[in-house]
Amino acid sequence: MNKENFKAILFDLDGTLFKTEAYQIKAWDEVLRKRGIIVPAKDYFRYIGKTALEVEKDLAKDYGLDIEPGELEKEKEELILEWFGSADLELMPHAREAVEFFSNQPEFKLALCTSGSEKEVVCKLEKNNLRDRFDVIITKDDVSKGKPAPDIYLEAMKRMGLQGYQCLAIEDTEHGLEAAKRAGAFCFAIPQEFSLGQDFSKADKVLTSLKDLVCFFE
């Protein structure tokens, strides 16, 4: 792995740039409690990093839910958009510093590769004046399969005209890491409180914060 070969940095969003995983868990908790289902907080780590539709499928299977496809996903997204529209969304430590560092380097392209919806992503970025920092933004709405499938990363590479070995993905979950590696990218993992119990053995590096990422390239 030679850092001089990297042409693009591909960031995940929730848990990597934004401290919003707790909102995601709270939203799932609310839609499930309406149906009499209580998921222990410690069990949510199994779902962190997947698209909402994939999480819905897993929850329906794990808890025997009789629901229409997309039913939970729709309710959960409505809650998220309502909350994000009124809340001050907190960035992860050194997130702004990292995004600004790479976006100011002409040798790098900057991509956002997230399992969130386009509406949700735009809301987060615009509230923190970060939307214009990215050359490419890929959401779950741009692909047929979300993480841990590689489609989101492959679509970003296609739009940037790059190959996997030229790209470094930054992820906070095992499912995101799997998606990046299946797309042929290098991947640095930065585990956060909700993903600490996941397996990051396939990561090219495991960092403690986005500050470590900036230091790696300085």
C-alpha atoms as a PDB file:
ATOM      1  CA  MET A   1       0.000   0.000   0.000  1.00  0.00           C
ATOM      2  CA  ASN A   2       1.622   3.213  -1.243  1.00  0.00           C
ATOM      3  CA  LYS A   3      -0.171   6.412  -0.274  1.00  0.00           C
ATOM      4  CA  GLU A   4       1.253   8.152  -3.340  1.00  0.00           C
ATOM      5  CA  ASN A   5      -0.958   5.903  -5.499  1.00  0.00           C
ATOM      6  CA  PHE A   6      -4.205   7.167  -3.966  1.00  0.00           C
ATOM      7  CA  LYS A   7      -6.242   9.471  -6.190  1.00  0.00           C
ATOM      8  CA  ALA A   8      -9.439   9.601  -4.132  1.00  0.00           C
ATOM      9  CA  ILE A   9     -10.651   9.463  -0.538  1.00  0.00           C
ATOM     10  CA  LEU A  10     -14.107   7.918  -0.133  1.00  0.00           C
ATOM     11  CA  PHE A  11     -15.833   8.745   3.135  1.00  0.00           C
ATOM     12  CA  ASP A  12     -18.725   6.963   4.777  1.00  0.00           C
ATOM     13  CA  LEU A  13     -21.149   9.362   6.516  1.00  0.00           C
ATOM     14  CA  ASP A  14     -22.926   8.156   9.682  1.00  0.00           C
ATOM     15  CA  GLY A  15     -20.434   7.285  12.396  1.00  0.00           C
ATOM     16  CA  THR A  16     -17.501   8.358  10.215  1.00  0.00           C
ATOM     17  CA  LEU A  17     -18.147  12.052   9.532  1.00  0.00           C
ATOM     18  CA  PHE A  18     -21.335  12.624  11.542  1.00  0.00           C
ATOM     19  CA  LYS A  19     -22.090  11.517  15.086  1.00  0.00           C
ATOM     20  CA  THR A  20     -25.565  10.341  14.109  1.00  0.00           C
ATOM     21  CA  GLU A  21     -25.611   6.586  14.733  1.00  0.00           C
ATOM     22  CA  ALA A  22     -27.544   7.141  17.969  1.00  0.00           C
ATOM     23  CA  TYR A  23     -30.334   8.810  15.950  1.00  0.00           C
ATOM     24  CA  GLN A  24     -30.459   5.812  13.617  1.00  0.00           C
ATOM     25  CA  ILE A  25     -30.802   3.393  16.531  1.00  0.00           C
ATOM     26  CA  LYS A  26     -33.410   5.571  18.236  1.00  0.00           C
ATOM     27  CA  ALA A  27     -35.499   5.656  15.050  1.00  0.00           C
ATOM     28  CA  TRP A  28     -35.411   1.877  14.658  1.00  0.00           C
ATOM     29  CA  ASP A  29     -36.310   1.544  18.332  1.00  0.00           C
ATOM     30  CA  GLU A  30     -39.387   3.760  17.915  1.00  0.00           C
ATOM     31  CA  VAL A  31     -40.806   1.990  14.856  1.00  0.00           C
ATOM     32  CA  LEU A  32     -40.252  -1.407  16.467  1.00  0.00           C
ATOM     33  CA  ARG A  33     -41.756  -0.461  19.840  1.00  0.00           C
ATOM     34  CA  LYS A  34     -44.962   0.500  18.007  1.00  0.00           C
ATOM     35  CA  ARG A  35     -45.131  -3.163  17.034  1.00  0.00           C
ATOM     36  CA  GLY A  36     -44.334  -4.474  20.498  1.00  0.00           C
ATOM     37  CA  ILE A  37     -40.718  -5.325  19.668  1.00  0.00           C
ATOM     38  CA  ILE A  38     -37.912  -4.281  22.002  1.00  0.00           C
ATOM     39  CA  VAL A  39     -34.396  -4.839  20.717  1.00  0.00           C
ATOM     40  CA  PRO A  40     -31.673  -4.763  23.402  1.00  0.00           C
ATOM     41  CA  ALA A  41     -29.274  -1.888  22.743  1.00  0.00           C
ATOM     42  CA  LYS A  42     -26.315  -4.264  22.619  1.00  0.00           C
ATOM     43  CA  ASP A  43     -27.893  -6.158  19.698  1.00  0.00           C
ATOM     44  CA  TYR A  44     -28.025  -3.170  17.356  1.00  0.00           C
ATOM     45  CA  PHE A  45     -24.317  -3.467  16.551  1.00  0.00           C
ATOM     46  CA  ARG A  46     -25.247  -6.356  14.214  1.00  0.00           C
ATOM     47  CA  TYR A  47     -27.152  -3.983  11.945  1.00  0.00           C
ATOM     48  CA  ILE A  48     -24.923  -0.897  12.028  1.00  0.00           C
ATOM     49  CA  GLY A  49     -23.504  -0.084   8.590  1.00  0.00           C
ATOM     50  CA  LYS A  50     -26.212  -1.670   6.441  1.00  0.00           C
ATOM     51  CA  THR A  51     -28.846   0.148   4.403  1.00  0.00           C
ATOM     52  CA  ALA A  52     -32.220   0.681   6.065  1.00  0.00           C
ATOM     53  CA  LEU A  53     -33.860  -1.826   3.725  1.00  0.00           C
ATOM     54  CA  GLU A  54     -31.275  -4.487   4.577  1.00  0.00           C
ATOM     55  CA  VAL A  55     -31.744  -3.786   8.291  1.00  0.00           C
ATOM     56  CA  GLU A  56     -35.503  -4.055   7.831  1.00  0.00           C
ATOM     57  CA  LYS A  57     -35.113  -7.478   6.193  1.00  0.00           C
ATOM     58  CA  ASP A  58     -32.880  -8.670   9.032  1.00  0.00           C
ATOM     59  CA  LEU A  59     -35.259  -7.363  11.697  1.00  0.00           C
ATOM     60  CA  ALA A  60     -38.273  -8.943  10.006  1.00  0.00           C
ATOM     61  CA  LYS A  61     -36.471 -12.280   9.931  1.00  0.00           C
ATOM     62  CA  ASP A  62     -35.011 -12.056  13.444  1.00  0.00           C
ATOM     63  CA  TYR A  63     -38.294 -11.003  15.097  1.00  0.00           C
ATOM     64  CA  GLY A  64     -40.868 -12.665  12.832  1.00  0.00           C
ATOM     65  CA  LEU A  65     -42.427  -9.393  11.665  1.00  0.00           C
ATOM     66  CA  ASP A  66     -45.278  -9.549   9.162  1.00  0.00           C
ATOM     67  CA  ILE A  67     -44.721  -6.284   7.268  1.00  0.00           C
ATOM     68  CA  GLU A  68     -44.858  -4.909   3.745  1.00  0.00           C
ATOM     69  CA  PRO A  69     -41.444  -4.408   2.070  1.00  0.00           C
ATOM     70  CA  GLY A  70     -40.182  -0.924   2.866  1.00  0.00           C
ATOM     71  CA  GLU A  71     -42.739  -0.338   5.637  1.00  0.00           C
ATOM     72  CA  LEU A  72     -40.241   0.071   8.470  1.00  0.00           C
ATOM     73  CA  GLU A  73     -37.737   1.816   6.231  1.00  0.00           C
ATOM     74  CA  LYS A  74     -40.272   4.504   5.306  1.00  0.00           C
ATOM     75  CA  GLU A  75     -41.338   5.145   8.909  1.00  0.00           C
ATOM     76  CA  LYS A  76     -37.747   5.243  10.095  1.00  0.00           C
ATOM     77  CA  GLU A  77     -36.667   7.686   7.382  1.00  0.00           C
ATOM     78  CA  GLU A  78     -39.588  10.019   8.135  1.00  0.00           C
ATOM     79  CA  LEU A  79     -38.490  10.175  11.780  1.00  0.00           C
ATOM     80  CA  ILE A  80     -34.853  10.760  10.831  1.00  0.00           C
ATOM     81  CA  LEU A  81     -35.682  13.616   8.443  1.00  0.00           C
ATOM     82  CA  GLU A  82     -37.913  15.219  11.070  1.00  0.00           C
ATOM     83  CA  TRP A  83     -35.190  15.055  13.717  1.00  0.00           C
ATOM     84  CA  PHE A  84     -32.342  16.099  11.440  1.00  0.00           C
ATOM     85  CA  GLY A  85     -34.352  19.046  10.167  1.00  0.00           C
ATOM     86  CA  SER A  86     -34.499  20.585  13.643  1.00  0.00           C
ATOM     87  CA  ALA A  87     -31.390  19.233  15.392  1.00  0.00           C
ATOM     88  CA  ASP A  88     -27.845  20.572  15.451  1.00  0.00           C
ATOM     89  CA  LEU A  89     -25.987  17.662  13.882  1.00  0.00           C
ATOM     90  CA  GLU A  90     -22.691  16.951  15.569  1.00  0.00           C
ATOM     91  CA  LEU A  91     -19.644  16.058  13.499  1.00  0.00           C
ATOM     92  CA  MET A  92     -17.272  13.303  14.541  1.00  0.00           C
ATOM     93  CA  PRO A  93     -13.956  14.519  16.027  1.00  0.00           C
ATOM     94  CA  HIS A  94     -11.717  16.075  13.336  1.00  0.00           C
ATOM     95  CA  ALA A  95     -14.304  15.440  10.605  1.00  0.00           C
ATOM     96  CA  ARG A  96     -14.330  18.986   9.255  1.00  0.00           C
ATOM     97  CA  GLU A  97     -10.555  19.140   9.443  1.00  0.00           C
ATOM     98  CA  ALA A  98     -10.238  15.913   7.425  1.00  0.00           C
ATOM     99  CA  VAL A  99     -12.763  16.881   4.750  1.00  0.00           C
ATOM    100  CA  GLU A 100     -11.235  20.318   4.296  1.00  0.00           C
ATOM    101  CA  PHE A 101      -7.705  18.893   4.223  1.00  0.00           C
ATOM    102  CA  PHE A 102      -8.428  16.503   1.350  1.00  0.00           C
ATOM    103  CA  SER A 103     -10.753  18.810  -0.564  1.00  0.00           C
ATOM    104  CA  ASN A 104      -7.977  21.412  -0.607  1.00  0.00           C
ATOM    105  CA  GLN A 105      -5.465  18.958  -2.103  1.00  0.00           C
ATOM    106  CA  PRO A 106      -5.689  19.101  -5.938  1.00  0.00           C
ATOM    107  CA  GLU A 107      -4.280  15.571  -6.269  1.00  0.00           C
ATOM    108  CA  PHE A 108      -7.298  14.053  -4.507  1.00  0.00           C
ATOM    109  CA  LYS A 109     -10.898  13.592  -5.508  1.00  0.00           C
ATOM    110  CA  LEU A 110     -13.338  13.406  -2.628  1.00  0.00           C
ATOM    111  CA  ALA A 111     -16.360  11.108  -2.552  1.00  0.00           C
ATOM    112  CA  LEU A 112     -19.122  10.414  -0.077  1.00  0.00           C
ATOM    113  CA  CYS A 113     -20.374   6.811  -0.122  1.00  0.00           C
ATOM    114  CA  THR A 114     -23.267   6.241   2.251  1.00  0.00           C
ATOM    115  CA  SER A 115     -26.155   3.880   2.934  1.00  0.00           C
ATOM    116  CA  GLY A 116     -28.372   6.862   3.750  1.00  0.00           C
ATOM    117  CA  SER A 117     -30.999   8.338   1.442  1.00  0.00           C
ATOM    118  CA  GLU A 118     -30.292  11.365  -0.733  1.00  0.00           C
ATOM    119  CA  LYS A 119     -32.693  13.571   1.269  1.00  0.00           C
ATOM    120  CA  GLU A 120     -31.042  12.582   4.543  1.00  0.00           C
ATOM    121  CA  VAL A 121     -27.532  13.119   3.184  1.00  0.00           C
ATOM    122  CA  VAL A 122     -28.272  16.527   1.673  1.00  0.00           C
ATOM    123  CA  CYS A 123     -29.845  17.653   4.951  1.00  0.00           C
ATOM    124  CA  LYS A 124     -26.748  16.706   6.940  1.00  0.00           C
ATOM    125  CA  LEU A 125     -24.227  18.197   4.541  1.00  0.00           C
ATOM    126  CA  GLU A 126     -26.038  21.475   3.983  1.00  0.00           C
ATOM    127  CA  LYS A 127     -26.538  22.057   7.717  1.00  0.00           C
ATOM    128  CA  ASN A 128     -22.763  21.867   8.117  1.00  0.00           C
ATOM    129  CA  ASN A 129     -21.754  23.600   4.857  1.00  0.00           C
ATOM    130  CA  LEU A 130     -19.982  20.511   3.543  1.00  0.00           C
ATOM    131  CA  ARG A 131     -21.952  19.632   0.419  1.00  0.00           C
ATOM    132  CA  ASP A 132     -19.658  21.488  -2.005  1.00  0.00           C
ATOM    133  CA  ARG A 133     -16.565  19.786  -0.612  1.00  0.00           C
ATOM    134  CA  PHE A 134     -17.345  16.496  -2.382  1.00  0.00           C
ATOM    135  CA  ASP A 135     -16.739  15.745  -6.048  1.00  0.00           C
ATOM    136  CA  VAL A 136     -19.076  12.744  -5.951  1.00  0.00           C
ATOM    137  CA  ILE A 137     -21.918  11.813  -3.595  1.00  0.00           C
ATOM    138  CA  ILE A 138     -23.360   8.291  -3.791  1.00  0.00           C
ATOM    139  CA  THR A 139     -26.342   7.258  -1.649  1.00  0.00           C
ATOM    140  CA  LYS A 140     -28.506   4.166  -1.419  1.00  0.00           C
ATOM    141  CA  ASP A 141     -30.805   5.799  -3.998  1.00  0.00           C
ATOM    142  CA  ASP A 142     -28.091   5.512  -6.662  1.00  0.00           C
ATOM    143  CA  VAL A 143     -27.678   1.723  -6.534  1.00  0.00           C
ATOM    144  CA  SER A 144     -29.760  -1.432  -6.428  1.00  0.00           C
ATOM    145  CA  LYS A 145     -27.870  -2.956  -3.497  1.00  0.00           C
ATOM    146  CA  GLY A 146     -26.514  -1.111  -0.488  1.00  0.00           C
ATOM    147  CA  LYS A 147     -23.692  -1.986   1.886  1.00  0.00           C
ATOM    148  CA  PRO A 148     -22.311  -4.582   2.537  1.00  0.00           C
ATOM    149  CA  ALA A 149     -22.652  -5.065  -1.244  1.00  0.00           C
ATOM    150  CA  PRO A 150     -19.899  -3.130  -3.097  1.00  0.00           C
ATOM    151  CA  ASP A 151     -22.273  -1.233  -5.413  1.00  0.00           C
ATOM    152  CA  ILE A 152     -22.053   2.166  -3.677  1.00  0.00           C
ATOM    153  CA  TYR A 153     -18.260   2.183  -3.897  1.00  0.00           C
ATOM    154  CA  LEU A 154     -18.193   0.806  -7.438  1.00  0.00           C
ATOM    155  CA  GLU A 155     -20.552   3.554  -8.591  1.00  0.00           C
ATOM    156  CA  ALA A 156     -18.340   6.221  -7.017  1.00  0.00           C
ATOM    157  CA  MET A 157     -15.268   4.786  -8.754  1.00  0.00           C
ATOM    158  CA  LYS A 158     -17.114   4.679 -12.066  1.00  0.00           C
ATOM    159  CA  ARG A 159     -18.114   8.341 -11.816  1.00  0.00           C
ATOM    160  CA  MET A 160     -14.580   9.382 -10.877  1.00  0.00           C
ATOM    161  CA  GLY A 161     -12.987   7.235 -13.568  1.00  0.00           C
ATOM    162  CA  LEU A 162     -10.787   5.415 -11.069  1.00  0.00           C
ATOM    163  CA  GLN A 163      -9.903   1.842 -10.165  1.00  0.00           C
ATOM    164  CA  GLY A 164     -10.163   0.321  -6.719  1.00  0.00           C
ATOM    165  CA  TYR A 165      -6.421   0.376  -6.014  1.00  0.00           C
ATOM    166  CA  GLN A 166      -6.471   4.165  -6.499  1.00  0.00           C
ATOM    167  CA  CYS A 167      -9.118   4.665  -3.806  1.00  0.00           C
ATOM    168  CA  LEU A 168      -8.990   4.766  -0.016  1.00  0.00           C
ATOM    169  CA  ALA A 169     -12.295   4.276   1.793  1.00  0.00           C
ATOM    170  CA  ILE A 170     -12.838   5.466   5.355  1.00  0.00           C
ATOM    171  CA  GLU A 171     -15.375   3.388   7.282  1.00  0.00           C
ATOM    172  CA  ASP A 172     -16.583   2.895  10.843  1.00  0.00           C
ATOM    173  CA  THR A 173     -18.386  -0.454  10.494  1.00  0.00           C
ATOM    174  CA  GLU A 174     -17.621  -4.022   9.478  1.00  0.00           C
ATOM    175  CA  HIS A 175     -20.343  -3.913   6.793  1.00  0.00           C
ATOM    176  CA  GLY A 176     -18.913  -0.744   5.292  1.00  0.00           C
ATOM    177  CA  LEU A 177     -15.429  -2.241   5.366  1.00  0.00           C
ATOM    178  CA  GLU A 178     -16.723  -5.320   3.543  1.00  0.00           C
ATOM    179  CA  ALA A 179     -18.352  -3.154   0.875  1.00  0.00           C
ATOM    180  CA  ALA A 180     -15.152  -1.197   0.258  1.00  0.00           C
ATOM    181  CA  LYS A 181     -12.922  -4.274   0.086  1.00  0.00           C
ATOM    182  CA  ARG A 182     -15.318  -6.088  -2.255  1.00  0.00           C
ATOM    183  CA  ALA A 183     -15.085  -3.054  -4.537  1.00  0.00           C
ATOM    184  CA  GLY A 184     -11.308  -3.447  -4.605  1.00  0.00           C
ATOM    185  CA  ALA A 185     -10.529  -0.332  -2.558  1.00  0.00           C
ATOM    186  CA  PHE A 186      -8.129   0.043   0.323  1.00  0.00           C
ATOM    187  CA  CYS A 187      -9.934   0.790   3.566  1.00  0.00           C
ATOM    188  CA  PHE A 188      -9.002   2.406   6.866  1.00  0.00           C
ATOM    189  CA  ALA A 189     -11.430   1.692   9.703  1.00  0.00           C
ATOM    190  CA  ILE A 190     -12.216   4.045  12.567  1.00  0.00           C
ATOM    191  CA  PRO A 191     -14.458   2.096  14.984  1.00  0.00           C
ATOM    192  CA  GLN A 192     -16.910   4.159  17.019  1.00  0.00           C
ATOM    193  CA  GLU A 193     -18.940   3.354  20.117  1.00  0.00           C
ATOM    194  CA  PHE A 194     -21.636   1.391  18.273  1.00  0.00           C
ATOM    195  CA  SER A 195     -19.246  -0.697  16.152  1.00  0.00           C
ATOM    196  CA  LEU A 196     -16.464  -1.527  18.612  1.00  0.00           C
ATOM    197  CA  GLY A 197     -17.559  -5.160  18.790  1.00  0.00           C
ATOM    198  CA  GLN A 198     -17.375  -5.695  15.033  1.00  0.00           C
ATOM    199  CA  ASP A 199     -14.600  -7.429  13.082  1.00  0.00           C
ATOM    200  CA  PHE A 200     -12.097  -5.046  11.454  1.00  0.00           C
ATOM    201  CA  SER A 201      -9.401  -7.623  10.719  1.00  0.00           C
ATOM    202  CA  LYS A 202      -9.669  -6.977   6.947  1.00  0.00           C
ATOM    203  CA  ALA A 203      -8.951  -3.249   7.290  1.00  0.00           C
ATOM    204  CA  ASP A 204      -5.658  -1.985   5.863  1.00  0.00           C
ATOM    205  CA  LYS A 205      -5.329   0.177   8.969  1.00  0.00           C
ATOM    206  CA  VAL A 206      -7.412   0.699  12.100  1.00  0.00           C
ATOM    207  CA  LEU A 207      -7.230   4.313  13.261  1.00  0.00           C
ATOM    208  CA  THR A 208      -8.388   5.989  16.447  1.00  0.00           C
ATOM    209  CA  SER A 209      -9.754   9.142  14.791  1.00  0.00           C
ATOM    210  CA  LEU A 210      -9.846  11.155  11.584  1.00  0.00           C
ATOM    211  CA  LYS A 211      -6.873  13.096  12.936  1.00  0.00           C
ATOM    212  CA  ASP A 212      -4.796   9.945  12.387  1.00  0.00           C
ATOM    213  CA  LEU A 213      -5.949   9.921   8.760  1.00  0.00           C
ATOM    214  CA  VAL A 214      -4.775  13.491   8.164  1.00  0.00           C
ATOM    215  CA  CYS A 215      -1.452  12.752   9.880  1.00  0.00           C
ATOM    216  CA  PHE A 216      -0.923   9.723   7.617  1.00  0.00           C
ATOM    217  CA  PHE A 217      -0.969  11.976   4.547  1.00  0.00           C
ATOM    218  CA  GLU A 218       0.782  15.057   5.943  1.00  0.00           C
END
